[in-house]
Amino acid sequence: MQKKLTFNEAKQIAIVEYLDKLGISPAKIRGNDHWYYSPFRDEGSPSFKVDTRLNLWYDYGSGEGGSIVDLGAKLHDCSLSEFLDRLAEGISSFTGAKFQTPVEKESNKLEIHGTRELTDPGLLQYLKERSIERQTAVKFCVEVDFRIGTKSYNAIGFPTRSGSYELRNRWFKGSSSPKDISIIQGGPQTVCVLEGFIDFLSLQQTHDYELNRFKDQSSFIVLNSLSLLNRTLATIQTYKQVNLFLDNDNAGLEAKKNLAAKGIVFNDASRIYRDSKDVNEFLIKSQHQHHQFRNRKGFGI
């Protein structure tokens, strides 16, 4: 008779190994973070992360996460206890490379050590590759020095309403604590809601007439994670007009369905960039087409 597997025993099995047994491989690996295309939906970019240091998963598209037990129960649509039985049956197939609880894990906490004007050439070049000019970025962002463990880094920092920062550089996508939304005050009647600050900067940068019409005399809410949408509803509902600039993916579609089900009336601006994943991709494509046109015109074609 198969020995009953306890929750604690199950949680020692590495999530990345379990996913590998299911034929699910990471799309990219950044340090301890293994990024996957979500196994729960079709998507164009990976939004499902496994932290191998903590042996926890988090789905940025749905805002759900947890241990291997939570993941298995959701994947197999069964109870936690039923998944333990399923896992016990196949336990011999695992290599035994179990997750070990990290020692002094607080030493790896992200800590902010200073902010200043955004001047670093590497960070500015990263933004330029995303079609964001310096004069746009410095209005809303700062350069942040931070440390993880004993190593120091810098990144573009976008402030949240809690005083924390969303952090981006060429290799790092994260935030300081607490994770929160950002609010940029403007017009009192209209609000534009965006998923991330790169899209917000892109909206400031664009010369597209329709997008500019939506944002005119508007305040802005940057969610910094789609999972924060529900806790932001009370703030969103203080505005008479709501314009959504969400990604053109399944997570964005589900978010719009959720808002409609709650009776929130909104204008869906994503139709303007329906051939792009998000506002930033739309900006990059638009600028590329503009440069191509200018080059052709310069050669007299």
Foldseek 3Di string as FASTA:
>chain_A
DQDQDDPVNQQQAALQQVCVVVVFAFPDDFVQKGFGQDPVFDWDDTQWIARLQQSKIARLLARDIGGSLVVQCVNVVHDSRVSSVVCSVCVVVDPPNTRDHDDPQVLQAKAWDDKAFPDDPQQQVQLVLLVFHSVLLRVFWIKIWIDGRHDIDIFIWGAAPVRKTFGDGPRDGDIHPDQFKHKADFAQAEEEEEAAVSLVSLLVVDPDPVSCVRPPRYIYIHGPTLNCVVVCVVVQVSHNAYEYFYFLTPSRVVSVVVCVVVVHDYHYPCVVVVVDGGSSRVSSVVVVVVVVVVVCVVVVD
